[in-house]
Amino acid sequence: MKPAELDDDGRRLLNQLFGKWSMLVLDALCERPRRFNELRQQLPAVTPKSLTACLRRLERDGMVERVVVSTEPVAVEYGVTPLGRTLRLPLQAMMEWFVDHLDDVEAARSGYDEQRSPS
């Protein structure tokens, strides 16, 4: 099935996985489970509200699990589920693509903007 053939549910999931923070959160959690504040430290640009919303969406979709750790004081850890772990290789490939081609994309954007800007 091609992305253009996805139904509404498929498109929503695709939008969720390629959302602003989802890939970065999943990438961090594929390394190891983390507490909320550890994720915030790894992703300093994300607001607490956005991170909470992202984690809840990923948990609802079955990609992330929230585990209460019985420590003093009680803590919560987030980790990827077996389903979420199936995204690890495609996610790594996408992250590598971004790193390898970011300069190319920036050059293309600059060229496009120069052609479109009034002289």
PDB file of N, CA and C in Angstrom:
ATOM      1  N   MET A   1       0.841  -1.180   0.000  1.00  0.00           N
ATOM      2  CA  MET A   1       0.000   0.000   0.000  1.00  0.00           C
ATOM      3  C   MET A   1       0.885   1.242   0.000  1.00  0.00           C
ATOM      4  N   LYS A   2       0.538   2.197  -0.802  1.00  0.00           N
ATOM      5  CA  LYS A   2       1.272   3.452  -0.892  1.00  0.00           C
ATOM      6  C   LYS A   2       0.621   4.476   0.028  1.00  0.00           C
ATOM      7  N   PRO A   3       1.391   5.469   0.522  1.00  0.00           N
ATOM      8  CA  PRO A   3       0.802   6.484   1.404  1.00  0.00           C
ATOM      9  C   PRO A   3      -0.430   7.165   0.808  1.00  0.00           C
ATOM     10  N   ALA A   4      -0.455   7.360  -0.508  1.00  0.00           N
ATOM     11  CA  ALA A   4      -1.607   8.007  -1.135  1.00  0.00           C
ATOM     12  C   ALA A   4      -2.856   7.140  -1.026  1.00  0.00           C
ATOM     13  N   GLU A   5      -2.689   5.842  -0.791  1.00  0.00           N
ATOM     14  CA  GLU A   5      -3.814   4.917  -0.689  1.00  0.00           C
ATOM     15  C   GLU A   5      -4.308   4.733   0.745  1.00  0.00           C
ATOM     16  N   LEU A   6      -3.663   5.390   1.703  1.00  0.00           N
ATOM     17  CA  LEU A   6      -4.054   5.234   3.100  1.00  0.00           C
ATOM     18  C   LEU A   6      -5.428   5.826   3.352  1.00  0.00           C
ATOM     19  N   ASP A   7      -6.193   5.186   4.244  1.00  0.00           N
ATOM     20  CA  ASP A   7      -7.469   5.756   4.649  1.00  0.00           C
ATOM     21  C   ASP A   7      -7.216   6.818   5.721  1.00  0.00           C
ATOM     22  N   ASP A   8      -8.280   7.376   6.258  1.00  0.00           N
ATOM     23  CA  ASP A   8      -8.136   8.445   7.253  1.00  0.00           C
ATOM     24  C   ASP A   8      -7.325   8.009   8.466  1.00  0.00           C
ATOM     25  N   ASP A   9      -7.554   6.800   8.957  1.00  0.00           N
ATOM     26  CA  ASP A   9      -6.815   6.299  10.120  1.00  0.00           C
ATOM     27  C   ASP A   9      -5.329   6.170   9.799  1.00  0.00           C
ATOM     28  N   GLY A  10      -5.018   5.661   8.623  1.00  0.00           N
ATOM     29  CA  GLY A  10      -3.620   5.519   8.206  1.00  0.00           C
ATOM     30  C   GLY A  10      -2.929   6.868   8.078  1.00  0.00           C
ATOM     31  N   ARG A  11      -3.632   7.837   7.517  1.00  0.00           N
ATOM     32  CA  ARG A  11      -3.045   9.187   7.381  1.00  0.00           C
ATOM     33  C   ARG A  11      -2.833   9.837   8.740  1.00  0.00           C
ATOM     34  N   ARG A  12      -3.773   9.625   9.660  1.00  0.00           N
ATOM     35  CA  ARG A  12      -3.602  10.184  11.011  1.00  0.00           C
ATOM     36  C   ARG A  12      -2.378   9.580  11.693  1.00  0.00           C
ATOM     37  N   LEU A  13      -2.201   8.259  11.552  1.00  0.00           N
ATOM     38  CA  LEU A  13      -1.034   7.613  12.156  1.00  0.00           C
ATOM     39  C   LEU A  13       0.251   8.119  11.513  1.00  0.00           C
ATOM     40  N   LEU A  14       0.252   8.255  10.201  1.00  0.00           N
ATOM     41  CA  LEU A  14       1.429   8.783   9.505  1.00  0.00           C
ATOM     42  C   LEU A  14       1.748  10.198   9.989  1.00  0.00           C
ATOM     43  N   ASN A  15       0.727  11.030  10.110  1.00  0.00           N
ATOM     44  CA  ASN A  15       0.935  12.388  10.619  1.00  0.00           C
ATOM     45  C   ASN A  15       1.471  12.366  12.045  1.00  0.00           C
ATOM     46  N   GLN A  16       0.960  11.440  12.859  1.00  0.00           N
ATOM     47  CA  GLN A  16       1.424  11.325  14.239  1.00  0.00           C
ATOM     48  C   GLN A  16       2.896  10.942  14.290  1.00  0.00           C
ATOM     49  N   LEU A  17       3.276   9.931  13.517  1.00  0.00           N
ATOM     50  CA  LEU A  17       4.655   9.445  13.571  1.00  0.00           C
ATOM     51  C   LEU A  17       5.643  10.458  13.004  1.00  0.00           C
ATOM     52  N   PHE A  18       5.188  11.280  12.060  1.00  0.00           N
ATOM     53  CA  PHE A  18       6.062  12.304  11.498  1.00  0.00           C
ATOM     54  C   PHE A  18       5.775  13.673  12.094  1.00  0.00           C
ATOM     55  N   GLY A  19       5.104  13.687  13.249  1.00  0.00           N
ATOM     56  CA  GLY A  19       4.802  14.934  13.935  1.00  0.00           C
ATOM     57  C   GLY A  19       6.071  15.622  14.415  1.00  0.00           C
ATOM     58  N   LYS A  20       5.897  16.798  14.949  1.00  0.00           N
ATOM     59  CA  LYS A  20       7.031  17.644  15.315  1.00  0.00           C
ATOM     60  C   LYS A  20       8.023  16.966  16.246  1.00  0.00           C
ATOM     61  N   TRP A  21       7.549  16.208  17.230  1.00  0.00           N
ATOM     62  CA  TRP A  21       8.450  15.630  18.232  1.00  0.00           C
ATOM     63  C   TRP A  21       8.482  14.108  18.240  1.00  0.00           C
ATOM     64  N   SER A  22       7.553  13.463  17.585  1.00  0.00           N
ATOM     65  CA  SER A  22       7.403  12.009  17.697  1.00  0.00           C
ATOM     66  C   SER A  22       8.665  11.244  17.343  1.00  0.00           C
ATOM     67  N   MET A  23       9.289  11.568  16.218  1.00  0.00           N
ATOM     68  CA  MET A  23      10.476  10.823  15.798  1.00  0.00           C
ATOM     69  C   MET A  23      11.619  10.997  16.793  1.00  0.00           C
ATOM     70  N   LEU A  24      11.778  12.206  17.315  1.00  0.00           N
ATOM     71  CA  LEU A  24      12.856  12.446  18.269  1.00  0.00           C
ATOM     72  C   LEU A  24      12.596  11.738  19.596  1.00  0.00           C
ATOM     73  N   VAL A  25      11.347  11.734  20.028  1.00  0.00           N
ATOM     74  CA  VAL A  25      10.986  11.031  21.263  1.00  0.00           C
ATOM     75  C   VAL A  25      11.199   9.533  21.090  1.00  0.00           C
ATOM     76  N   LEU A  26      10.719   8.976  19.982  1.00  0.00           N
ATOM     77  CA  LEU A  26      10.905   7.540  19.747  1.00  0.00           C
ATOM     78  C   LEU A  26      12.380   7.184  19.632  1.00  0.00           C
ATOM     79  N   ASP A  27      13.154   8.034  18.977  1.00  0.00           N
ATOM     80  CA  ASP A  27      14.587   7.784  18.851  1.00  0.00           C
ATOM     81  C   ASP A  27      15.241   7.723  20.234  1.00  0.00           C
ATOM     82  N   ALA A  28      14.891   8.656  21.100  1.00  0.00           N
ATOM     83  CA  ALA A  28      15.458   8.671  22.451  1.00  0.00           C
ATOM     84  C   ALA A  28      15.026   7.440  23.244  1.00  0.00           C
ATOM     85  N   LEU A  29      13.772   7.046  23.106  1.00  0.00           N
ATOM     86  CA  LEU A  29      13.266   5.918  23.880  1.00  0.00           C
ATOM     87  C   LEU A  29      13.722   4.577  23.328  1.00  0.00           C
ATOM     88  N   CYS A  30      14.110   4.525  22.059  1.00  0.00           N
ATOM     89  CA  CYS A  30      14.642   3.275  21.508  1.00  0.00           C
ATOM     90  C   CYS A  30      15.992   2.940  22.142  1.00  0.00           C
ATOM     91  N   GLU A  31      16.718   3.959  22.593  1.00  0.00           N
ATOM     92  CA  GLU A  31      18.001   3.723  23.269  1.00  0.00           C
ATOM     93  C   GLU A  31      17.783   3.032  24.600  1.00  0.00           C
ATOM     94  N   ARG A  32      16.821   3.571  25.373  1.00  0.00           N
ATOM     95  CA  ARG A  32      16.513   3.011  26.688  1.00  0.00           C
ATOM     96  C   ARG A  32      15.306   3.750  27.257  1.00  0.00           C
ATOM     97  N   PRO A  33      14.616   3.148  28.234  1.00  0.00           N
ATOM     98  CA  PRO A  33      13.514   3.867  28.880  1.00  0.00           C
ATOM     99  C   PRO A  33      14.033   5.130  29.565  1.00  0.00           C
ATOM    100  N   ARG A  34      13.184   6.131  29.611  1.00  0.00           N
ATOM    101  CA  ARG A  34      13.584   7.402  30.226  1.00  0.00           C
ATOM    102  C   ARG A  34      12.426   7.984  31.024  1.00  0.00           C
ATOM    103  N   ARG A  35      12.809   8.764  32.013  1.00  0.00           N
ATOM    104  CA  ARG A  35      11.818   9.534  32.755  1.00  0.00           C
ATOM    105  C   ARG A  35      11.529  10.813  31.982  1.00  0.00           C
ATOM    106  N   PHE A  36      10.423  11.433  32.342  1.00  0.00           N
ATOM    107  CA  PHE A  36       9.966  12.637  31.648  1.00  0.00           C
ATOM    108  C   PHE A  36      11.060  13.701  31.592  1.00  0.00           C
ATOM    109  N   ASN A  37      11.678  13.985  32.736  1.00  0.00           N
ATOM    110  CA  ASN A  37      12.695  15.040  32.766  1.00  0.00           C
ATOM    111  C   ASN A  37      13.941  14.678  31.971  1.00  0.00           C
ATOM    112  N   GLU A  38      14.256  13.392  31.870  1.00  0.00           N
ATOM    113  CA  GLU A  38      15.378  12.973  31.019  1.00  0.00           C
ATOM    114  C   GLU A  38      15.073  13.286  29.556  1.00  0.00           C
ATOM    115  N   LEU A  39      13.823  13.023  29.158  1.00  0.00           N
ATOM    116  CA  LEU A  39      13.424  13.360  27.789  1.00  0.00           C
ATOM    117  C   LEU A  39      13.500  14.867  27.556  1.00  0.00           C
ATOM    118  N   ARG A  40      13.062  15.638  28.532  1.00  0.00           N
ATOM    119  CA  ARG A  40      13.118  17.100  28.409  1.00  0.00           C
ATOM    120  C   ARG A  40      14.553  17.578  28.267  1.00  0.00           C
ATOM    121  N   GLN A  41      15.483  16.965  28.995  1.00  0.00           N
ATOM    122  CA  GLN A  41      16.892  17.350  28.890  1.00  0.00           C
ATOM    123  C   GLN A  41      17.460  16.979  27.531  1.00  0.00           C
ATOM    124  N   GLN A  42      17.047  15.844  26.994  1.00  0.00           N
ATOM    125  CA  GLN A  42      17.547  15.420  25.690  1.00  0.00           C
ATOM    126  C   GLN A  42      16.929  16.255  24.562  1.00  0.00           C
ATOM    127  N   LEU A  43      15.709  16.751  24.778  1.00  0.00           N
ATOM    128  CA  LEU A  43      15.001  17.545  23.777  1.00  0.00           C
ATOM    129  C   LEU A  43      14.638  18.897  24.378  1.00  0.00           C
ATOM    130  N   PRO A  44      15.629  19.759  24.609  1.00  0.00           N
ATOM    131  CA  PRO A  44      15.372  20.991  25.342  1.00  0.00           C
ATOM    132  C   PRO A  44      14.409  21.961  24.653  1.00  0.00           C
ATOM    133  N   ALA A  45      14.207  21.831  23.356  1.00  0.00           N
ATOM    134  CA  ALA A  45      13.317  22.759  22.649  1.00  0.00           C
ATOM    135  C   ALA A  45      11.840  22.429  22.855  1.00  0.00           C
ATOM    136  N   VAL A  46      11.534  21.219  23.306  1.00  0.00           N
ATOM    137  CA  VAL A  46      10.136  20.833  23.492  1.00  0.00           C
ATOM    138  C   VAL A  46       9.620  21.371  24.817  1.00  0.00           C
ATOM    139  N   THR A  47       8.408  21.886  24.789  1.00  0.00           N
ATOM    140  CA  THR A  47       7.797  22.365  26.027  1.00  0.00           C
ATOM    141  C   THR A  47       7.226  21.170  26.792  1.00  0.00           C
ATOM    142  N   PRO A  48       7.067  21.290  28.100  1.00  0.00           N
ATOM    143  CA  PRO A  48       6.466  20.193  28.862  1.00  0.00           C
ATOM    144  C   PRO A  48       5.083  19.800  28.325  1.00  0.00           C
ATOM    145  N   LYS A  49       4.292  20.781  27.952  1.00  0.00           N
ATOM    146  CA  LYS A  49       2.950  20.511  27.429  1.00  0.00           C
ATOM    147  C   LYS A  49       3.021  19.718  26.119  1.00  0.00           C
ATOM    148  N   SER A  50       3.905  20.114  25.224  1.00  0.00           N
ATOM    149  CA  SER A  50       4.037  19.412  23.941  1.00  0.00           C
ATOM    150  C   SER A  50       4.578  17.999  24.135  1.00  0.00           C
ATOM    151  N   LEU A  51       5.539  17.840  25.040  1.00  0.00           N
ATOM    152  CA  LEU A  51       6.096  16.518  25.304  1.00  0.00           C
ATOM    153  C   LEU A  51       5.035  15.595  25.900  1.00  0.00           C
ATOM    154  N   THR A  52       4.265  16.103  26.830  1.00  0.00           N
ATOM    155  CA  THR A  52       3.183  15.317  27.433  1.00  0.00           C
ATOM    156  C   THR A  52       2.184  14.879  26.369  1.00  0.00           C
ATOM    157  N   ALA A  53       1.784  15.809  25.509  1.00  0.00           N
ATOM    158  CA  ALA A  53       0.816  15.484  24.454  1.00  0.00           C
ATOM    159  C   ALA A  53       1.394  14.439  23.500  1.00  0.00           C
ATOM    160  N   CYS A  54       2.657  14.585  23.133  1.00  0.00           N
ATOM    161  CA  CYS A  54       3.313  13.643  22.227  1.00  0.00           C
ATOM    162  C   CYS A  54       3.368  12.254  22.858  1.00  0.00           C
ATOM    163  N   LEU A  55       3.784  12.174  24.114  1.00  0.00           N
ATOM    164  CA  LEU A  55       3.874  10.888  24.803  1.00  0.00           C
ATOM    165  C   LEU A  55       2.499  10.221  24.898  1.00  0.00           C
ATOM    166  N   ARG A  56       1.474  11.001  25.177  1.00  0.00           N
ATOM    167  CA  ARG A  56       0.124  10.439  25.276  1.00  0.00           C
ATOM    168  C   ARG A  56      -0.355   9.896  23.931  1.00  0.00           C
ATOM    169  N   ARG A  57      -0.082  10.628  22.842  1.00  0.00           N
ATOM    170  CA  ARG A  57      -0.467  10.136  21.511  1.00  0.00           C
ATOM    171  C   ARG A  57       0.278   8.855  21.170  1.00  0.00           C
ATOM    172  N   LEU A  58       1.583   8.836  21.447  1.00  0.00           N
ATOM    173  CA  LEU A  58       2.374   7.642  21.154  1.00  0.00           C
ATOM    174  C   LEU A  58       1.935   6.460  22.021  1.00  0.00           C
ATOM    175  N   GLU A  59       1.560   6.745  23.264  1.00  0.00           N
ATOM    176  CA  GLU A  59       1.061   5.685  24.148  1.00  0.00           C
ATOM    177  C   GLU A  59      -0.282   5.164  23.629  1.00  0.00           C
ATOM    178  N   ARG A  60      -1.154   6.055  23.220  1.00  0.00           N
ATOM    179  CA  ARG A  60      -2.463   5.663  22.685  1.00  0.00           C
ATOM    180  C   ARG A  60      -2.310   4.798  21.439  1.00  0.00           C
ATOM    181  N   ASP A  61      -1.317   5.118  20.603  1.00  0.00           N
ATOM    182  CA  ASP A  61      -1.084   4.371  19.365  1.00  0.00           C
ATOM    183  C   ASP A  61      -0.327   3.067  19.599  1.00  0.00           C
ATOM    184  N   GLY A  62       0.074   2.800  20.851  1.00  0.00           N
ATOM    185  CA  GLY A  62       0.743   1.550  21.168  1.00  0.00           C
ATOM    186  C   GLY A  62       2.239   1.553  20.915  1.00  0.00           C
ATOM    187  N   MET A  63       2.832   2.723  20.711  1.00  0.00           N
ATOM    188  CA  MET A  63       4.263   2.822  20.427  1.00  0.00           C
ATOM    189  C   MET A  63       5.093   2.983  21.700  1.00  0.00           C
ATOM    190  N   VAL A  64       4.494   3.581  22.708  1.00  0.00           N
ATOM    191  CA  VAL A  64       5.187   3.905  23.958  1.00  0.00           C
ATOM    192  C   VAL A  64       4.361   3.383  25.117  1.00  0.00           C
ATOM    193  N   GLU A  65       5.054   2.928  26.148  1.00  0.00           N
ATOM    194  CA  GLU A  65       4.357   2.533  27.369  1.00  0.00           C
ATOM    195  C   GLU A  65       4.848   3.380  28.533  1.00  0.00           C
ATOM    196  N   ARG A  66       3.927   3.643  29.423  1.00  0.00           N
ATOM    197  CA  ARG A  66       4.195   4.424  30.627  1.00  0.00           C
ATOM    198  C   ARG A  66       4.215   3.439  31.780  1.00  0.00           C
ATOM    199  N   VAL A  67       5.325   3.409  32.508  1.00  0.00           N
ATOM    200  CA  VAL A  67       5.486   2.451  33.602  1.00  0.00           C
ATOM    201  C   VAL A  67       5.750   3.205  34.895  1.00  0.00           C
ATOM    202  N   VAL A  68       4.948   2.911  35.915  1.00  0.00           N
ATOM    203  CA  VAL A  68       5.166   3.501  37.231  1.00  0.00           C
ATOM    204  C   VAL A  68       6.233   2.670  37.928  1.00  0.00           C
ATOM    205  N   VAL A  69       7.306   3.340  38.338  1.00  0.00           N
ATOM    206  CA  VAL A  69       8.433   2.675  38.994  1.00  0.00           C
ATOM    207  C   VAL A  69       8.272   2.869  40.501  1.00  0.00           C
ATOM    208  N   SER A  70       8.275   1.774  41.232  1.00  0.00           N
ATOM    209  CA  SER A  70       8.070   1.858  42.676  1.00  0.00           C
ATOM    210  C   SER A  70       9.380   2.180  43.382  1.00  0.00           C
ATOM    211  N   THR A  71       9.732   3.433  43.295  1.00  0.00           N
ATOM    212  CA  THR A  71      10.907   3.945  43.996  1.00  0.00           C
ATOM    213  C   THR A  71      10.417   4.962  45.010  1.00  0.00           C
ATOM    214  N   GLU A  72      11.297   5.478  45.792  1.00  0.00           N
ATOM    215  CA  GLU A  72      10.959   6.553  46.728  1.00  0.00           C
ATOM    216  C   GLU A  72      11.586   7.833  46.230  1.00  0.00           C
ATOM    217  N   PRO A  73      10.888   8.825  45.783  1.00  0.00           N
ATOM    218  CA  PRO A  73       9.446   8.843  45.534  1.00  0.00           C
ATOM    219  C   PRO A  73       9.097   8.051  44.277  1.00  0.00           C
ATOM    220  N   VAL A  74       7.819   7.772  44.110  1.00  0.00           N
ATOM    221  CA  VAL A  74       7.336   7.030  42.949  1.00  0.00           C
ATOM    222  C   VAL A  74       7.677   7.816  41.688  1.00  0.00           C
ATOM    223  N   ALA A  75       8.120   7.121  40.659  1.00  0.00           N
ATOM    224  CA  ALA A  75       8.498   7.784  39.405  1.00  0.00           C
ATOM    225  C   ALA A  75       7.791   7.103  38.236  1.00  0.00           C
ATOM    226  N   VAL A  76       7.824   7.760  37.101  1.00  0.00           N
ATOM    227  CA  VAL A  76       7.248   7.224  35.871  1.00  0.00           C
ATOM    228  C   VAL A  76       8.334   7.172  34.820  1.00  0.00           C
ATOM    229  N   GLU A  77       8.432   6.056  34.122  1.00  0.00           N
ATOM    230  CA  GLU A  77       9.354   5.905  33.004  1.00  0.00           C
ATOM    231  C   GLU A  77       8.558   5.631  31.740  1.00  0.00           C
ATOM    232  N   TYR A  78       9.103   6.089  30.633  1.00  0.00           N
ATOM    233  CA  TYR A  78       8.521   5.819  29.331  1.00  0.00           C
ATOM    234  C   TYR A  78       9.497   4.969  28.538  1.00  0.00           C
ATOM    235  N   GLY A  79       8.966   3.989  27.840  1.00  0.00           N
ATOM    236  CA  GLY A  79       9.789   3.135  26.998  1.00  0.00           C
ATOM    237  C   GLY A  79       9.011   2.743  25.763  1.00  0.00           C
ATOM    238  N   VAL A  80       9.701   2.239  24.766  1.00  0.00           N
ATOM    239  CA  VAL A  80       9.002   1.788  23.567  1.00  0.00           C
ATOM    240  C   VAL A  80       8.430   0.399  23.797  1.00  0.00           C
ATOM    241  N   THR A  81       7.330   0.141  23.171  1.00  0.00           N
ATOM    242  CA  THR A  81       6.687  -1.166  23.218  1.00  0.00           C
ATOM    243  C   THR A  81       7.304  -2.041  22.123  1.00  0.00           C
ATOM    244  N   PRO A  82       6.983  -3.323  22.124  1.00  0.00           N
ATOM    245  CA  PRO A  82       7.450  -4.153  21.003  1.00  0.00           C
ATOM    246  C   PRO A  82       7.004  -3.600  19.646  1.00  0.00           C
ATOM    247  N   LEU A  83       5.784  -3.076  19.574  1.00  0.00           N
ATOM    248  CA  LEU A  83       5.327  -2.467  18.320  1.00  0.00           C
ATOM    249  C   LEU A  83       6.161  -1.239  17.977  1.00  0.00           C
ATOM    250  N   GLY A  84       6.419  -0.395  18.960  1.00  0.00           N
ATOM    251  CA  GLY A  84       7.247   0.789  18.727  1.00  0.00           C
ATOM    252  C   GLY A  84       8.662   0.433  18.310  1.00  0.00           C
ATOM    253  N   ARG A  85       9.175  -0.661  18.853  1.00  0.00           N
ATOM    254  CA  ARG A  85      10.536  -1.091  18.516  1.00  0.00           C
ATOM    255  C   ARG A  85      10.656  -1.472  17.037  1.00  0.00           C
ATOM    256  N   THR A  86       9.556  -1.886  16.410  1.00  0.00           N
ATOM    257  CA  THR A  86       9.607  -2.227  14.989  1.00  0.00           C
ATOM    258  C   THR A  86       9.908  -1.007  14.129  1.00  0.00           C
ATOM    259  N   LEU A  87       9.773   0.175  14.695  1.00  0.00           N
ATOM    260  CA  LEU A  87      10.097   1.407  13.966  1.00  0.00           C
ATOM    261  C   LEU A  87      11.571   1.787  14.068  1.00  0.00           C
ATOM    262  N   ARG A  88      12.334   1.063  14.876  1.00  0.00           N
ATOM    263  CA  ARG A  88      13.718   1.466  15.136  1.00  0.00           C
ATOM    264  C   ARG A  88      14.557   1.575  13.861  1.00  0.00           C
ATOM    265  N   LEU A  89      14.567   0.552  13.024  1.00  0.00           N
ATOM    266  CA  LEU A  89      15.387   0.602  11.804  1.00  0.00           C
ATOM    267  C   LEU A  89      14.911   1.673  10.825  1.00  0.00           C
ATOM    268  N   PRO A  90      13.602   1.738  10.528  1.00  0.00           N
ATOM    269  CA  PRO A  90      13.171   2.831   9.639  1.00  0.00           C
ATOM    270  C   PRO A  90      13.455   4.211  10.229  1.00  0.00           C
ATOM    271  N   LEU A  91      13.301   4.333  11.535  1.00  0.00           N
ATOM    272  CA  LEU A  91      13.562   5.606  12.201  1.00  0.00           C
ATOM    273  C   LEU A  91      15.035   5.979  12.096  1.00  0.00           C
ATOM    274  N   GLN A  92      15.919   5.016  12.341  1.00  0.00           N
ATOM    275  CA  GLN A  92      17.358   5.289  12.211  1.00  0.00           C
ATOM    276  C   GLN A  92      17.711   5.683  10.786  1.00  0.00           C
ATOM    277  N   ALA A  93      17.105   5.010   9.810  1.00  0.00           N
ATOM    278  CA  ALA A  93      17.371   5.355   8.410  1.00  0.00           C
ATOM    279  C   ALA A  93      16.922   6.783   8.111  1.00  0.00           C
ATOM    280  N   MET A  94      15.756   7.173   8.622  1.00  0.00           N
ATOM    281  CA  MET A  94      15.275   8.549   8.411  1.00  0.00           C
ATOM    282  C   MET A  94      16.187   9.558   9.090  1.00  0.00           C
ATOM    283  N   MET A  95      16.603   9.276  10.312  1.00  0.00           N
ATOM    284  CA  MET A  95      17.470  10.209  11.037  1.00  0.00           C
ATOM    285  C   MET A  95      18.803  10.358  10.302  1.00  0.00           C
ATOM    286  N   GLU A  96      19.353   9.252   9.801  1.00  0.00           N
ATOM    287  CA  GLU A  96      20.603   9.320   9.039  1.00  0.00           C
ATOM    288  C   GLU A  96      20.410  10.121   7.753  1.00  0.00           C
ATOM    289  N   TRP A  97      19.262   9.934   7.099  1.00  0.00           N
ATOM    290  CA  TRP A  97      18.972  10.690   5.884  1.00  0.00           C
ATOM    291  C   TRP A  97      18.955  12.189   6.192  1.00  0.00           C
ATOM    292  N   PHE A  98      18.295  12.566   7.297  1.00  0.00           N
ATOM    293  CA  PHE A  98      18.240  13.976   7.676  1.00  0.00           C
ATOM    294  C   PHE A  98      19.641  14.540   7.869  1.00  0.00           C
ATOM    295  N   VAL A  99      20.475  13.825   8.584  1.00  0.00           N
ATOM    296  CA  VAL A  99      21.843  14.284   8.845  1.00  0.00           C
ATOM    297  C   VAL A  99      22.635  14.389   7.540  1.00  0.00           C
ATOM    298  N   ASP A 100      22.501  13.371   6.690  1.00  0.00           N
ATOM    299  CA  ASP A 100      23.264  13.337   5.439  1.00  0.00           C
ATOM    300  C   ASP A 100      22.818  14.391   4.433  1.00  0.00           C
ATOM    301  N   HIS A 101      21.544  14.798   4.466  1.00  0.00           N
ATOM    302  CA  HIS A 101      21.005  15.647   3.399  1.00  0.00           C
ATOM    303  C   HIS A 101      20.519  17.017   3.856  1.00  0.00           C
ATOM    304  N   LEU A 102      20.718  17.358   5.120  1.00  0.00           N
ATOM    305  CA  LEU A 102      20.243  18.652   5.599  1.00  0.00           C
ATOM    306  C   LEU A 102      20.879  19.802   4.825  1.00  0.00           C
ATOM    307  N   ASP A 103      22.175  19.727   4.555  1.00  0.00           N
ATOM    308  CA  ASP A 103      22.838  20.786   3.780  1.00  0.00           C
ATOM    309  C   ASP A 103      22.251  20.897   2.376  1.00  0.00           C
ATOM    310  N   ASP A 104      21.938  19.756   1.756  1.00  0.00           N
ATOM    311  CA  ASP A 104      21.338  19.763   0.420  1.00  0.00           C
ATOM    312  C   ASP A 104      19.968  20.437   0.443  1.00  0.00           C
ATOM    313  N   VAL A 105      19.177  20.127   1.450  1.00  0.00           N
ATOM    314  CA  VAL A 105      17.848  20.722   1.572  1.00  0.00           C
ATOM    315  C   VAL A 105      17.964  22.226   1.802  1.00  0.00           C
ATOM    316  N   GLU A 106      18.881  22.629   2.669  1.00  0.00           N
ATOM    317  CA  GLU A 106      19.078  24.062   2.927  1.00  0.00           C
ATOM    318  C   GLU A 106      19.516  24.794   1.653  1.00  0.00           C
ATOM    319  N   ALA A 107      20.396  24.178   0.866  1.00  0.00           N
ATOM    320  CA  ALA A 107      20.837  24.783  -0.397  1.00  0.00           C
ATOM    321  C   ALA A 107      19.663  24.900  -1.363  1.00  0.00           C
ATOM    322  N   ALA A 108      18.829  23.879  -1.433  1.00  0.00           N
ATOM    323  CA  ALA A 108      17.655  23.923  -2.308  1.00  0.00           C
ATOM    324  C   ALA A 108      16.693  25.020  -1.860  1.00  0.00           C
ATOM    325  N   ARG A 109      16.483  25.151  -0.570  1.00  0.00           N
ATOM    326  CA  ARG A 109      15.605  26.205  -0.052  1.00  0.00           C
ATOM    327  C   ARG A 109      16.139  27.588  -0.386  1.00  0.00           C
ATOM    328  N   SER A 110      17.438  27.773  -0.190  1.00  0.00           N
ATOM    329  CA  SER A 110      18.046  29.076  -0.495  1.00  0.00           C
ATOM    330  C   SER A 110      17.898  29.411  -1.978  1.00  0.00           C
ATOM    331  N   GLY A 111      18.165  28.423  -2.836  1.00  0.00           N
ATOM    332  CA  GLY A 111      18.015  28.639  -4.271  1.00  0.00           C
ATOM    333  C   GLY A 111      16.586  28.980  -4.644  1.00  0.00           C
ATOM    334  N   TYR A 112      15.641  28.273  -4.064  1.00  0.00           N
ATOM    335  CA  TYR A 112      14.224  28.527  -4.322  1.00  0.00           C
ATOM    336  C   TYR A 112      13.849  29.936  -3.871  1.00  0.00           C
ATOM    337  N   ASP A 113      14.253  30.285  -2.628  1.00  0.00           N
ATOM    338  CA  ASP A 113      13.926  31.608  -2.094  1.00  0.00           C
ATOM    339  C   ASP A 113      14.534  32.729  -2.919  1.00  0.00           C
ATOM    340  N   GLU A 114      15.762  32.538  -3.405  1.00  0.00           N
ATOM    341  CA  GLU A 114      16.411  33.555  -4.233  1.00  0.00           C
ATOM    342  C   GLU A 114      15.656  33.751  -5.546  1.00  0.00           C
ATOM    343  N   GLN A 115      15.172  32.676  -6.125  1.00  0.00           N
ATOM    344  CA  GLN A 115      14.420  32.773  -7.381  1.00  0.00           C
ATOM    345  C   GLN A 115      13.075  33.450  -7.181  1.00  0.00           C
ATOM    346  N   ARG A 116      12.494  33.288  -6.019  1.00  0.00           N
ATOM    347  CA  ARG A 116      11.156  33.807  -5.745  1.00  0.00           C
ATOM    348  C   ARG A 116      11.151  35.204  -5.152  1.00  0.00           C
ATOM    349  N   SER A 117      12.294  35.661  -4.646  1.00  0.00           N
ATOM    350  CA  SER A 117      12.297  36.973  -3.994  1.00  0.00           C
ATOM    351  C   SER A 117      12.358  38.077  -5.044  1.00  0.00           C
ATOM    352  N   PRO A 118      11.669  39.191  -4.757  1.00  0.00           N
ATOM    353  CA  PRO A 118      11.690  40.322  -5.693  1.00  0.00           C
ATOM    354  C   PRO A 118      13.094  40.910  -5.793  1.00  0.00           C
ATOM    355  N   SER A 119      13.487  41.282  -6.978  1.00  0.00           N
ATOM    356  CA  SER A 119      14.834  41.835  -7.201  1.00  0.00           C
ATOM    357  C   SER A 119      14.906  43.288  -6.884  1.00  0.00           C
TER     358      SER A 119
END
